[in-house]
PDB file of N, CA and C in Angstrom:
ATOM      1  N   MET A   1      71.762  34.622 128.128  1.00  0.00           N
ATOM      2  CA  MET A   1      73.027  33.912 128.061  1.00  0.00           C
ATOM      3  C   MET A   1      73.867  34.349 129.253  1.00  0.00           C
ATOM      4  N   ALA A   2      74.460  33.395 129.931  1.00  0.00           N
ATOM      5  CA  ALA A   2      75.335  33.704 131.058  1.00  0.00           C
ATOM      6  C   ALA A   2      76.582  34.417 130.559  1.00  0.00           C
ATOM      7  N   SER A   3      77.172  35.227 131.418  1.00  0.00           N
ATOM      8  CA  SER A   3      78.312  36.044 130.996  1.00  0.00           C
ATOM      9  C   SER A   3      79.524  35.220 130.575  1.00  0.00           C
ATOM     10  N   ASP A   4      79.639  33.982 131.054  1.00  0.00           N
ATOM     11  CA  ASP A   4      80.804  33.178 130.687  1.00  0.00           C
ATOM     12  C   ASP A   4      80.564  32.302 129.457  1.00  0.00           C
ATOM     13  N   GLU A   5      79.354  32.352 128.888  1.00  0.00           N
ATOM     14  CA  GLU A   5      79.050  31.595 127.684  1.00  0.00           C
ATOM     15  C   GLU A   5      79.443  32.396 126.449  1.00  0.00           C
ATOM     16  N   GLU A   6      79.892  31.692 125.435  1.00  0.00           N
ATOM     17  CA  GLU A   6      80.244  32.338 124.175  1.00  0.00           C
ATOM     18  C   GLU A   6      79.025  32.372 123.268  1.00  0.00           C
ATOM     19  N   ALA A   7      78.865  33.438 122.534  1.00  0.00           N
ATOM     20  CA  ALA A   7      77.757  33.559 121.582  1.00  0.00           C
ATOM     21  C   ALA A   7      77.987  32.630 120.396  1.00  0.00           C
ATOM     22  N   VAL A   8      76.917  32.122 119.857  1.00  0.00           N
ATOM     23  CA  VAL A   8      76.966  31.310 118.649  1.00  0.00           C
ATOM     24  C   VAL A   8      76.215  32.093 117.574  1.00  0.00           C
ATOM     25  N   VAL A   9      76.867  32.282 116.439  1.00  0.00           N
ATOM     26  CA  VAL A   9      76.289  33.074 115.360  1.00  0.00           C
ATOM     27  C   VAL A   9      76.188  32.206 114.115  1.00  0.00           C
ATOM     28  N   ARG A  10      75.044  32.268 113.463  1.00  0.00           N
ATOM     29  CA  ARG A  10      74.848  31.566 112.193  1.00  0.00           C
ATOM     30  C   ARG A  10      75.181  32.542 111.069  1.00  0.00           C
ATOM     31  N   LEU A  11      76.100  32.161 110.189  1.00  0.00           N
ATOM     32  CA  LEU A  11      76.438  33.008 109.042  1.00  0.00           C
ATOM     33  C   LEU A  11      75.313  32.893 108.021  1.00  0.00           C
ATOM     34  N   GLU A  12      74.740  34.022 107.655  1.00  0.00           N
ATOM     35  CA  GLU A  12      73.603  34.037 106.744  1.00  0.00           C
ATOM     36  C   GLU A  12      73.938  34.826 105.490  1.00  0.00           C
ATOM     37  N   ARG A  13      73.396  34.360 104.377  1.00  0.00           N
ATOM     38  CA  ARG A  13      73.464  35.136 103.138  1.00  0.00           C
ATOM     39  C   ARG A  13      72.235  36.033 103.130  1.00  0.00           C
ATOM     40  N   TRP A  14      72.440  37.306 102.886  1.00  0.00           N
ATOM     41  CA  TRP A  14      71.330  38.270 102.894  1.00  0.00           C
ATOM     42  C   TRP A  14      71.402  39.120 101.648  1.00  0.00           C
ATOM     43  N   ARG A  15      70.275  39.288 100.987  1.00  0.00           N
ATOM     44  CA  ARG A  15      70.241  40.067  99.750  1.00  0.00           C
ATOM     45  C   ARG A  15      69.206  41.177  99.796  1.00  0.00           C
ATOM     46  N   GLY A  16      68.689  41.491 100.955  1.00  0.00           N
ATOM     47  CA  GLY A  16      67.709  42.563 101.072  1.00  0.00           C
ATOM     48  C   GLY A  16      66.326  41.993 101.174  1.00  0.00           C
ATOM     49  N   PRO A  17      65.374  42.751 100.758  1.00  0.00           N
ATOM     50  CA  PRO A  17      65.415  44.011 100.016  1.00  0.00           C
ATOM     51  C   PRO A  17      65.496  45.221 100.946  1.00  0.00           C
ATOM     52  N   TRP A  18      65.680  46.384 100.321  1.00  0.00           N
ATOM     53  CA  TRP A  18      65.644  47.661 101.028  1.00  0.00           C
ATOM     54  C   TRP A  18      65.090  48.696 100.061  1.00  0.00           C
ATOM     55  N   PRO A  19      64.427  49.712 100.604  1.00  0.00           N
ATOM     56  CA  PRO A  19      63.852  50.741  99.723  1.00  0.00           C
ATOM     57  C   PRO A  19      64.931  51.587  99.053  1.00  0.00           C
ATOM     58  N   ASP A  20      64.624  52.125  97.900  1.00  0.00           N
ATOM     59  CA  ASP A  20      65.585  52.946  97.155  1.00  0.00           C
ATOM     60  C   ASP A  20      66.054  54.159  97.952  1.00  0.00           C
ATOM     61  N   ASP A  21      65.187  54.697  98.787  1.00  0.00           N
ATOM     62  CA  ASP A  21      65.552  55.897  99.544  1.00  0.00           C
ATOM     63  C   ASP A  21      66.111  55.579 100.931  1.00  0.00           C
ATOM     64  N   ASP A  22      66.471  54.325 101.170  1.00  0.00           N
ATOM     65  CA  ASP A  22      67.035  53.919 102.460  1.00  0.00           C
ATOM     66  C   ASP A  22      68.375  54.628 102.662  1.00  0.00           C
ATOM     67  N   PRO A  23      68.540  55.368 103.760  1.00  0.00           N
ATOM     68  CA  PRO A  23      69.805  56.074 103.982  1.00  0.00           C
ATOM     69  C   PRO A  23      70.988  55.125 104.190  1.00  0.00           C
ATOM     70  N   ASP A  24      70.708  53.869 104.471  1.00  0.00           N
ATOM     71  CA  ASP A  24      71.771  52.879 104.662  1.00  0.00           C
ATOM     72  C   ASP A  24      71.903  51.943 103.465  1.00  0.00           C
ATOM     73  N   ALA A  25      71.378  52.348 102.325  1.00  0.00           N
ATOM     74  CA  ALA A  25      71.372  51.493 101.135  1.00  0.00           C
ATOM     75  C   ALA A  25      72.781  51.097 100.702  1.00  0.00           C
ATOM     76  N   ASN A  26      73.747  52.005 100.775  1.00  0.00           N
ATOM     77  CA  ASN A  26      75.117  51.662 100.367  1.00  0.00           C
ATOM     78  C   ASN A  26      75.676  50.531 101.214  1.00  0.00           C
ATOM     79  N   PHE A  27      75.472  50.630 102.516  1.00  0.00           N
ATOM     80  CA  PHE A  27      75.973  49.584 103.413  1.00  0.00           C
ATOM     81  C   PHE A  27      75.236  48.271 103.154  1.00  0.00           C
ATOM     82  N   LYS A  28      73.919  48.336 102.993  1.00  0.00           N
ATOM     83  CA  LYS A  28      73.137  47.130 102.750  1.00  0.00           C
ATOM     84  C   LYS A  28      73.529  46.473 101.430  1.00  0.00           C
ATOM     85  N   ARG A  29      73.824  47.289 100.428  1.00  0.00           N
ATOM     86  CA  ARG A  29      74.286  46.760  99.139  1.00  0.00           C
ATOM     87  C   ARG A  29      75.613  46.015  99.328  1.00  0.00           C
ATOM     88  N   GLU A  30      76.479  46.563 100.160  1.00  0.00           N
ATOM     89  CA  GLU A  30      77.767  45.922 100.425  1.00  0.00           C
ATOM     90  C   GLU A  30      77.579  44.612 101.190  1.00  0.00           C
ATOM     91  N   VAL A  31      76.665  44.601 102.158  1.00  0.00           N
ATOM     92  CA  VAL A  31      76.363  43.365 102.893  1.00  0.00           C
ATOM     93  C   VAL A  31      75.876  42.295 101.923  1.00  0.00           C
ATOM     94  N   ALA A  32      74.978  42.667 101.032  1.00  0.00           N
ATOM     95  CA  ALA A  32      74.454  41.719 100.047  1.00  0.00           C
ATOM     96  C   ALA A  32      75.559  41.223  99.112  1.00  0.00           C
ATOM     97  N   LEU A  33      76.467  42.104  98.715  1.00  0.00           N
ATOM     98  CA  LEU A  33      77.575  41.713  97.844  1.00  0.00           C
ATOM     99  C   LEU A  33      78.493  40.705  98.534  1.00  0.00           C
ATOM    100  N   TYR A  34      78.864  40.997  99.776  1.00  0.00           N
ATOM    101  CA  TYR A  34      79.771  40.103 100.493  1.00  0.00           C
ATOM    102  C   TYR A  34      79.086  38.811 100.925  1.00  0.00           C
ATOM    103  N   ALA A  35      77.762  38.758 100.855  1.00  0.00           N
ATOM    104  CA  ALA A  35      77.043  37.524 101.160  1.00  0.00           C
ATOM    105  C   ALA A  35      77.337  36.447 100.121  1.00  0.00           C
ATOM    106  N   LEU A  36      77.851  36.850  98.974  1.00  0.00           N
ATOM    107  CA  LEU A  36      78.188  35.899  97.920  1.00  0.00           C
ATOM    108  C   LEU A  36      79.481  35.143  98.225  1.00  0.00           C
ATOM    109  N   VAL A  37      80.268  35.652  99.142  1.00  0.00           N
ATOM    110  CA  VAL A  37      81.580  35.086  99.466  1.00  0.00           C
ATOM    111  C   VAL A  37      81.466  34.144 100.661  1.00  0.00           C
ATOM    112  N   ASP A  38      82.201  33.040 100.627  1.00  0.00           N
ATOM    113  CA  ASP A  38      82.285  32.160 101.791  1.00  0.00           C
ATOM    114  C   ASP A  38      83.577  32.513 102.534  1.00  0.00           C
ATOM    115  N   PRO A  39      83.479  33.311 103.604  1.00  0.00           N
ATOM    116  CA  PRO A  39      84.676  33.756 104.307  1.00  0.00           C
ATOM    117  C   PRO A  39      85.385  32.631 105.050  1.00  0.00           C
ATOM    118  N   LEU A  40      84.688  31.547 105.305  1.00  0.00           N
ATOM    119  CA  LEU A  40      85.296  30.471 106.091  1.00  0.00           C
ATOM    120  C   LEU A  40      86.368  29.720 105.323  1.00  0.00           C
ATOM    121  N   VAL A  41      86.325  29.775 103.994  1.00  0.00           N
ATOM    122  CA  VAL A  41      87.372  29.120 103.202  1.00  0.00           C
ATOM    123  C   VAL A  41      88.728  29.709 103.588  1.00  0.00           C
ATOM    124  N   THR A  42      88.817  31.011 103.578  1.00  0.00           N
ATOM    125  CA  THR A  42      90.069  31.684 103.923  1.00  0.00           C
ATOM    126  C   THR A  42      90.429  31.455 105.382  1.00  0.00           C
ATOM    127  N   LEU A  43      89.453  31.590 106.265  1.00  0.00           N
ATOM    128  CA  LEU A  43      89.736  31.458 107.699  1.00  0.00           C
ATOM    129  C   LEU A  43      90.132  30.030 108.077  1.00  0.00           C
ATOM    130  N   ARG A  44      89.492  29.039 107.444  1.00  0.00           N
ATOM    131  CA  ARG A  44      89.882  27.642 107.735  1.00  0.00           C
ATOM    132  C   ARG A  44      91.330  27.400 107.328  1.00  0.00           C
ATOM    133  N   THR A  45      91.693  27.857 106.144  1.00  0.00           N
ATOM    134  CA  THR A  45      93.069  27.677 105.671  1.00  0.00           C
ATOM    135  C   THR A  45      94.051  28.384 106.595  1.00  0.00           C
ATOM    136  N   LEU A  46      93.747  29.610 106.944  1.00  0.00           N
ATOM    137  CA  LEU A  46      94.608  30.364 107.859  1.00  0.00           C
ATOM    138  C   LEU A  46      94.722  29.653 109.199  1.00  0.00           C
ATOM    139  N   GLY A  47      93.595  29.193 109.726  1.00  0.00           N
ATOM    140  CA  GLY A  47      93.602  28.491 111.004  1.00  0.00           C
ATOM    141  C   GLY A  47      94.437  27.229 110.970  1.00  0.00           C
ATOM    142  N   GLU A  48      94.315  26.465 109.875  1.00  0.00           N
ATOM    143  CA  GLU A  48      95.108  25.238 109.738  1.00  0.00           C
ATOM    144  C   GLU A  48      96.595  25.556 109.633  1.00  0.00           C
ATOM    145  N   ASN A  49      96.931  26.582 108.869  1.00  0.00           N
ATOM    146  CA  ASN A  49      98.342  26.939 108.683  1.00  0.00           C
ATOM    147  C   ASN A  49      98.981  27.517 109.936  1.00  0.00           C
ATOM    148  N   LEU A  50      98.205  28.226 110.748  1.00  0.00           N
ATOM    149  CA  LEU A  50      98.762  28.879 111.937  1.00  0.00           C
ATOM    150  C   LEU A  50      98.389  28.178 113.237  1.00  0.00           C
ATOM    151  N   ASP A  51      97.615  27.101 113.131  1.00  0.00           N
ATOM    152  CA  ASP A  51      97.157  26.360 114.303  1.00  0.00           C
ATOM    153  C   ASP A  51      96.381  27.265 115.263  1.00  0.00           C
ATOM    154  N   ILE A  52      95.397  27.980 114.687  1.00  0.00           N
ATOM    155  CA  ILE A  52      94.506  28.848 115.463  1.00  0.00           C
ATOM    156  C   ILE A  52      93.089  28.350 115.206  1.00  0.00           C
ATOM    157  N   PRO A  53      92.294  28.167 116.253  1.00  0.00           N
ATOM    158  CA  PRO A  53      90.916  27.693 116.049  1.00  0.00           C
ATOM    159  C   PRO A  53      90.092  28.645 115.183  1.00  0.00           C
ATOM    160  N   LEU A  54      89.210  28.069 114.380  1.00  0.00           N
ATOM    161  CA  LEU A  54      88.364  28.851 113.484  1.00  0.00           C
ATOM    162  C   LEU A  54      87.569  29.896 114.251  1.00  0.00           C
ATOM    163  N   GLY A  55      86.996  29.523 115.370  1.00  0.00           N
ATOM    164  CA  GLY A  55      86.209  30.465 116.165  1.00  0.00           C
ATOM    165  C   GLY A  55      87.024  31.645 116.654  1.00  0.00           C
ATOM    166  N   ALA A  56      88.283  31.397 116.997  1.00  0.00           N
ATOM    167  CA  ALA A  56      89.159  32.484 117.449  1.00  0.00           C
ATOM    168  C   ALA A  56      89.440  33.453 116.307  1.00  0.00           C
ATOM    169  N   LEU A  57      89.632  32.920 115.109  1.00  0.00           N
ATOM    170  CA  LEU A  57      89.865  33.788 113.951  1.00  0.00           C
ATOM    171  C   LEU A  57      88.609  34.588 113.609  1.00  0.00           C
ATOM    172  N   CYS A  58      87.443  33.949 113.672  1.00  0.00           N
ATOM    173  CA  CYS A  58      86.186  34.677 113.422  1.00  0.00           C
ATOM    174  C   CYS A  58      86.026  35.804 114.426  1.00  0.00           C
ATOM    175  N   ARG A  59      86.310  35.514 115.688  1.00  0.00           N
ATOM    176  CA  ARG A  59      86.194  36.545 116.728  1.00  0.00           C
ATOM    177  C   ARG A  59      87.177  37.687 116.457  1.00  0.00           C
ATOM    178  N   TYR A  60      88.397  37.345 116.032  1.00  0.00           N
ATOM    179  CA  TYR A  60      89.405  38.371 115.709  1.00  0.00           C
ATOM    180  C   TYR A  60      88.917  39.261 114.573  1.00  0.00           C
ATOM    181  N   VAL A  61      88.461  38.633 113.479  1.00  0.00           N
ATOM    182  CA  VAL A  61      88.029  39.399 112.308  1.00  0.00           C
ATOM    183  C   VAL A  61      86.853  40.298 112.669  1.00  0.00           C
ATOM    184  N   LEU A  62      85.870  39.757 113.364  1.00  0.00           N
ATOM    185  CA  LEU A  62      84.705  40.556 113.741  1.00  0.00           C
ATOM    186  C   LEU A  62      85.087  41.669 114.710  1.00  0.00           C
ATOM    187  N   GLY A  63      85.933  41.355 115.678  1.00  0.00           N
ATOM    188  CA  GLY A  63      86.375  42.377 116.631  1.00  0.00           C
ATOM    189  C   GLY A  63      87.180  43.466 115.955  1.00  0.00           C
ATOM    190  N   ARG A  64      88.044  43.073 115.064  1.00  0.00           N
ATOM    191  CA  ARG A  64      88.874  44.046 114.337  1.00  0.00           C
ATOM    192  C   ARG A  64      87.995  44.940 113.467  1.00  0.00           C
ATOM    193  N   TRP A  65      87.025  44.340 112.773  1.00  0.00           N
ATOM    194  CA  TRP A  65      86.144  45.130 111.920  1.00  0.00           C
ATOM    195  C   TRP A  65      85.239  46.024 112.763  1.00  0.00           C
ATOM    196  N   ALA A  66      84.682  45.472 113.828  1.00  0.00           N
ATOM    197  CA  ALA A  66      83.730  46.233 114.644  1.00  0.00           C
ATOM    198  C   ALA A  66      84.385  47.437 115.306  1.00  0.00           C
ATOM    199  N   THR A  67      85.667  47.349 115.590  1.00  0.00           N
ATOM    200  CA  THR A  67      86.359  48.490 116.193  1.00  0.00           C
ATOM    201  C   THR A  67      87.052  49.326 115.136  1.00  0.00           C
ATOM    202  N   GLY A  68      86.918  48.952 113.879  1.00  0.00           N
ATOM    203  CA  GLY A  68      87.583  49.659 112.786  1.00  0.00           C
ATOM    204  C   GLY A  68      87.158  51.101 112.640  1.00  0.00           C
ATOM    205  N   GLY A  69      85.920  51.404 112.995  1.00  0.00           N
ATOM    206  CA  GLY A  69      85.458  52.785 112.892  1.00  0.00           C
ATOM    207  C   GLY A  69      86.256  53.699 113.797  1.00  0.00           C
ATOM    208  N   SER A  70      86.289  53.376 115.063  1.00  0.00           N
ATOM    209  CA  SER A  70      87.050  54.198 115.997  1.00  0.00           C
ATOM    210  C   SER A  70      88.543  54.060 115.751  1.00  0.00           C
ATOM    211  N   GLY A  71      88.974  52.853 115.406  1.00  0.00           N
ATOM    212  CA  GLY A  71      90.389  52.639 115.133  1.00  0.00           C
ATOM    213  C   GLY A  71      90.866  53.396 113.912  1.00  0.00           C
ATOM    214  N   ALA A  72      89.954  53.634 112.987  1.00  0.00           N
ATOM    215  CA  ALA A  72      90.329  54.361 111.770  1.00  0.00           C
ATOM    216  C   ALA A  72      90.765  55.775 112.087  1.00  0.00           C
ATOM    217  N   LEU A  73      90.242  56.336 113.149  1.00  0.00           N
ATOM    218  CA  LEU A  73      90.698  57.666 113.544  1.00  0.00           C
ATOM    219  C   LEU A  73      92.188  57.644 113.863  1.00  0.00           C
ATOM    220  N   LEU A  74      92.639  56.535 114.425  1.00  0.00           N
ATOM    221  CA  LEU A  74      94.050  56.419 114.776  1.00  0.00           C
ATOM    222  C   LEU A  74      94.881  55.940 113.596  1.00  0.00           C
ATOM    223  N   GLU A  75      94.327  55.020 112.818  1.00  0.00           N
ATOM    224  CA  GLU A  75      95.096  54.409 111.740  1.00  0.00           C
ATOM    225  C   GLU A  75      94.781  54.981 110.375  1.00  0.00           C
ATOM    226  N   MET A  76      93.544  55.371 110.152  1.00  0.00           N
ATOM    227  CA  MET A  76      93.046  55.868 108.869  1.00  0.00           C
ATOM    228  C   MET A  76      93.638  55.059 107.721  1.00  0.00           C
ATOM    229  N   GLU A  77      93.295  53.787 107.689  1.00  0.00           N
ATOM    230  CA  GLU A  77      93.818  52.878 106.679  1.00  0.00           C
ATOM    231  C   GLU A  77      93.420  53.335 105.280  1.00  0.00           C
ATOM    232  N   PRO A  78      94.181  52.958 104.287  1.00  0.00           N
ATOM    233  CA  PRO A  78      93.902  53.389 102.912  1.00  0.00           C
ATOM    234  C   PRO A  78      92.492  53.077 102.443  1.00  0.00           C
ATOM    235  N   SER A  79      91.928  51.934 102.839  1.00  0.00           N
ATOM    236  CA  SER A  79      90.582  51.598 102.373  1.00  0.00           C
ATOM    237  C   SER A  79      89.558  52.611 102.872  1.00  0.00           C
ATOM    238  N   MET A  80      89.713  53.079 104.095  1.00  0.00           N
ATOM    239  CA  MET A  80      88.772  54.062 104.634  1.00  0.00           C
ATOM    240  C   MET A  80      88.949  55.406 103.940  1.00  0.00           C
ATOM    241  N   VAL A  81      90.179  55.790 103.696  1.00  0.00           N
ATOM    242  CA  VAL A  81      90.440  57.048 102.996  1.00  0.00           C
ATOM    243  C   VAL A  81      89.824  56.981 101.595  1.00  0.00           C
ATOM    244  N   ARG A  82      89.978  55.845 100.908  1.00  0.00           N
ATOM    245  CA  ARG A  82      89.384  55.682  99.577  1.00  0.00           C
ATOM    246  C   ARG A  82      87.864  55.794  99.640  1.00  0.00           C
ATOM    247  N   ARG A  83      87.247  55.175 100.647  1.00  0.00           N
ATOM    248  CA  ARG A  83      85.786  55.255 100.774  1.00  0.00           C
ATOM    249  C   ARG A  83      85.328  56.700 100.957  1.00  0.00           C
ATOM    250  N   LEU A  84      86.024  57.428 101.795  1.00  0.00           N
ATOM    251  CA  LEU A  84      85.668  58.827 102.016  1.00  0.00           C
ATOM    252  C   LEU A  84      85.856  59.631 100.733  1.00  0.00           C
ATOM    253  N   TRP A  85      86.975  59.423 100.052  1.00  0.00           N
ATOM    254  CA  TRP A  85      87.279  60.187  98.847  1.00  0.00           C
ATOM    255  C   TRP A  85      86.280  59.901  97.725  1.00  0.00           C
ATOM    256  N   GLU A  86      85.814  58.643  97.614  1.00  0.00           N
ATOM    257  CA  GLU A  86      84.859  58.285  96.566  1.00  0.00           C
ATOM    258  C   GLU A  86      83.571  59.101  96.674  1.00  0.00           C
ATOM    259  N   VAL A  87      83.191  59.455  97.884  1.00  0.00           N
ATOM    260  CA  VAL A  87      81.995  60.274  98.069  1.00  0.00           C
ATOM    261  C   VAL A  87      82.201  61.633  97.414  1.00  0.00           C
ATOM    262  N   PHE A  88      83.370  62.239  97.624  1.00  0.00           N
ATOM    263  CA  PHE A  88      83.692  63.520  96.984  1.00  0.00           C
ATOM    264  C   PHE A  88      83.711  63.377  95.465  1.00  0.00           C
ATOM    265  N   GLU A  89      84.351  62.326  94.983  1.00  0.00           N
ATOM    266  CA  GLU A  89      84.480  62.099  93.535  1.00  0.00           C
ATOM    267  C   GLU A  89      83.107  62.029  92.863  1.00  0.00           C
ATOM    268  N   ARG A  90      82.193  61.250  93.440  1.00  0.00           N
ATOM    269  CA  ARG A  90      80.856  61.120  92.853  1.00  0.00           C
ATOM    270  C   ARG A  90      80.133  62.460  92.835  1.00  0.00           C
ATOM    271  N   ALA A  91      80.241  63.201  93.933  1.00  0.00           N
ATOM    272  CA  ALA A  91      79.553  64.501  93.996  1.00  0.00           C
ATOM    273  C   ALA A  91      80.128  65.472  92.976  1.00  0.00           C
ATOM    274  N   GLU A  92      81.434  65.515  92.849  1.00  0.00           N
ATOM    275  CA  GLU A  92      82.061  66.441  91.906  1.00  0.00           C
ATOM    276  C   GLU A  92      81.801  66.033  90.460  1.00  0.00           C
ATOM    277  N   THR A  93      81.737  64.737  90.209  1.00  0.00           N
ATOM    278  CA  THR A  93      81.417  64.265  88.860  1.00  0.00           C
ATOM    279  C   THR A  93      80.006  64.684  88.474  1.00  0.00           C
ATOM    280  N   ALA A  94      79.076  64.543  89.414  1.00  0.00           N
ATOM    281  CA  ALA A  94      77.696  64.973  89.158  1.00  0.00           C
ATOM    282  C   ALA A  94      77.644  66.485  88.991  1.00  0.00           C
ATOM    283  N   GLY A  95      78.426  67.202  89.787  1.00  0.00           N
ATOM    284  CA  GLY A  95      78.542  68.646  89.646  1.00  0.00           C
ATOM    285  C   GLY A  95      77.323  69.459  90.023  1.00  0.00           C
ATOM    286  N   THR A  96      76.436  68.875  90.829  1.00  0.00           N
ATOM    287  CA  THR A  96      75.238  69.617  91.223  1.00  0.00           C
ATOM    288  C   THR A  96      75.249  69.885  92.724  1.00  0.00           C
ATOM    289  N   ASP A  97      74.507  70.913  93.112  1.00  0.00           N
ATOM    290  CA  ASP A  97      74.378  71.202  94.536  1.00  0.00           C
ATOM    291  C   ASP A  97      73.698  70.046  95.264  1.00  0.00           C
ATOM    292  N   ALA A  98      72.740  69.421  94.603  1.00  0.00           N
ATOM    293  CA  ALA A  98      72.034  68.290  95.216  1.00  0.00           C
ATOM    294  C   ALA A  98      73.004  67.131  95.494  1.00  0.00           C
ATOM    295  N   ALA A  99      73.891  66.868  94.542  1.00  0.00           N
ATOM    296  CA  ALA A  99      74.871  65.794  94.726  1.00  0.00           C
ATOM    297  C   ALA A  99      75.849  66.142  95.844  1.00  0.00           C
ATOM    298  N   ARG A 100      76.244  67.399  95.917  1.00  0.00           N
ATOM    299  CA  ARG A 100      77.155  67.820  96.988  1.00  0.00           C
ATOM    300  C   ARG A 100      76.482  67.728  98.354  1.00  0.00           C
ATOM    301  N   LEU A 101      75.218  68.085  98.419  1.00  0.00           N
ATOM    302  CA  LEU A 101      74.482  67.981  99.677  1.00  0.00           C
ATOM    303  C   LEU A 101      74.327  66.516 100.087  1.00  0.00           C
ATOM    304  N   ALA A 102      74.040  65.657  99.128  1.00  0.00           N
ATOM    305  CA  ALA A 102      73.940  64.226  99.409  1.00  0.00           C
ATOM    306  C   ALA A 102      75.288  63.685  99.902  1.00  0.00           C
ATOM    307  N   ALA A 103      76.382  64.157  99.288  1.00  0.00           N
ATOM    308  CA  ALA A 103      77.717  63.743  99.714  1.00  0.00           C
ATOM    309  C   ALA A 103      77.995  64.207 101.143  1.00  0.00           C
ATOM    310  N   TYR A 104      77.612  65.425 101.440  1.00  0.00           N
ATOM    311  CA  TYR A 104      77.793  65.939 102.796  1.00  0.00           C
ATOM    312  C   TYR A 104      77.073  65.033 103.792  1.00  0.00           C
ATOM    313  N   ARG A 105      75.834  64.689 103.483  1.00  0.00           N
ATOM    314  CA  ARG A 105      75.059  63.837 104.397  1.00  0.00           C
ATOM    315  C   ARG A 105      75.707  62.468 104.567  1.00  0.00           C
ATOM    316  N   GLN A 106      76.167  61.897 103.466  1.00  0.00           N
ATOM    317  CA  GLN A 106      76.816  60.583 103.536  1.00  0.00           C
ATOM    318  C   GLN A 106      78.112  60.665 104.338  1.00  0.00           C
ATOM    319  N   LEU A 107      78.928  61.678 104.073  1.00  0.00           N
ATOM    320  CA  LEU A 107      80.178  61.831 104.814  1.00  0.00           C
ATOM    321  C   LEU A 107      79.929  62.075 106.296  1.00  0.00           C
ATOM    322  N   ARG A 108      78.884  62.835 106.585  1.00  0.00           N
ATOM    323  CA  ARG A 108      78.545  63.090 107.986  1.00  0.00           C
ATOM    324  C   ARG A 108      78.240  61.778 108.698  1.00  0.00           C
ATOM    325  N   GLU A 109      77.477  60.890 108.055  1.00  0.00           N
ATOM    326  CA  GLU A 109      77.169  59.590 108.650  1.00  0.00           C
ATOM    327  C   GLU A 109      78.429  58.748 108.823  1.00  0.00           C
ATOM    328  N   MET A 110      79.307  58.783 107.833  1.00  0.00           N
ATOM    329  CA  MET A 110      80.537  57.999 107.913  1.00  0.00           C
ATOM    330  C   MET A 110      81.430  58.494 109.051  1.00  0.00           C
ATOM    331  N   VAL A 111      81.577  59.796 109.154  1.00  0.00           N
ATOM    332  CA  VAL A 111      82.418  60.363 110.207  1.00  0.00           C
ATOM    333  C   VAL A 111      81.773  60.149 111.575  1.00  0.00           C
ATOM    334  N   ASP A 112      80.454  60.218 111.638  1.00  0.00           N
ATOM    335  CA  ASP A 112      79.767  59.951 112.898  1.00  0.00           C
ATOM    336  C   ASP A 112      80.070  58.528 113.357  1.00  0.00           C
ATOM    337  N   TRP A 113      80.083  57.590 112.422  1.00  0.00           N
ATOM    338  CA  TRP A 113      80.405  56.205 112.752  1.00  0.00           C
ATOM    339  C   TRP A 113      81.858  56.098 113.216  1.00  0.00           C
ATOM    340  N   LEU A 114      82.761  56.820 112.576  1.00  0.00           N
ATOM    341  CA  LEU A 114      84.172  56.787 112.960  1.00  0.00           C
ATOM    342  C   LEU A 114      84.411  57.290 114.380  1.00  0.00           C
ATOM    343  N   ARG A 115      83.609  58.251 114.795  1.00  0.00           N
ATOM    344  CA  ARG A 115      83.841  58.835 116.105  1.00  0.00           C
ATOM    345  C   ARG A 115      83.132  58.089 117.230  1.00  0.00           C
ATOM    346  N   MET A 116      82.439  57.002 116.889  1.00  0.00           N
ATOM    347  CA  MET A 116      81.713  56.235 117.886  1.00  0.00           C
ATOM    348  C   MET A 116      82.683  55.741 118.959  1.00  0.00           C
ATOM    349  N   PRO A 117      82.369  55.946 120.233  1.00  0.00           N
ATOM    350  CA  PRO A 117      83.296  55.539 121.292  1.00  0.00           C
ATOM    351  C   PRO A 117      83.349  54.022 121.463  1.00  0.00           C
ATOM    352  N   LEU A 118      84.490  53.561 121.930  1.00  0.00           N
ATOM    353  CA  LEU A 118      84.662  52.146 122.189  1.00  0.00           C
ATOM    354  C   LEU A 118      84.182  51.767 123.589  1.00  0.00           C
ATOM    355  N   ASP A 119      84.036  52.733 124.458  1.00  0.00           N
ATOM    356  CA  ASP A 119      83.675  52.428 125.849  1.00  0.00           C
ATOM    357  C   ASP A 119      82.213  52.760 126.114  1.00  0.00           C
ATOM    358  N   ASP A 120      81.352  52.405 125.183  1.00  0.00           N
ATOM    359  CA  ASP A 120      79.933  52.737 125.317  1.00  0.00           C
ATOM    360  C   ASP A 120      79.113  51.605 125.916  1.00  0.00           C
ATOM    361  N   GLY A 121      79.785  50.642 126.547  1.00  0.00           N
ATOM    362  CA  GLY A 121      79.079  49.515 127.133  1.00  0.00           C
ATOM    363  C   GLY A 121      78.724  48.444 126.136  1.00  0.00           C
ATOM    364  N   SER A 122      79.330  48.476 124.953  1.00  0.00           N
ATOM    365  CA  SER A 122      78.990  47.533 123.893  1.00  0.00           C
ATOM    366  C   SER A 122      79.640  46.163 124.091  1.00  0.00           C
ATOM    367  N   GLY A 123      80.440  46.009 125.108  1.00  0.00           N
ATOM    368  CA  GLY A 123      81.080  44.720 125.332  1.00  0.00           C
ATOM    369  C   GLY A 123      82.520  44.668 124.882  1.00  0.00           C
ATOM    370  N   TYR A 124      83.028  45.743 124.315  1.00  0.00           N
ATOM    371  CA  TYR A 124      84.429  45.772 123.906  1.00  0.00           C
ATOM    372  C   TYR A 124      85.306  45.745 125.141  1.00  0.00           C
ATOM    373  N   GLU A 125      86.240  44.831 125.169  1.00  0.00           N
ATOM    374  CA  GLU A 125      87.079  44.687 126.347  1.00  0.00           C
ATOM    375  C   GLU A 125      88.538  45.005 126.062  1.00  0.00           C
ATOM    376  N   GLY A 126      88.798  45.822 125.043  1.00  0.00           N
ATOM    377  CA  GLY A 126      90.152  46.269 124.715  1.00  0.00           C
ATOM    378  C   GLY A 126      91.174  45.299 124.952  1.00  0.00           C
TER     379      GLY A 126
END
């Protein structure tokens, strides 16, 4: 694709499968859950009300979400804090060393994602 061409993406519903021991199972489960929702209903209405093209809103939402990991370090929005805290809650409820170790591993992955740089050549143009 030439650098001045815009990417075209087909929105797909995805339900897996993934193995039970997949380290990304939580994220994949969330992808499958949100596949049940038609996000364009909301975006079309917003676009019509604000006179913003649908594609521009999709690009905004995807860009905002894709930079949310690094941006969370600056903003630490309540949803991210809740996600982090839920890992602690589950481990403490289980009350085992194994659950705490699993929580540590999950939190490590989450924080690693948060610290991902924005200037890694991924195409982010700030």
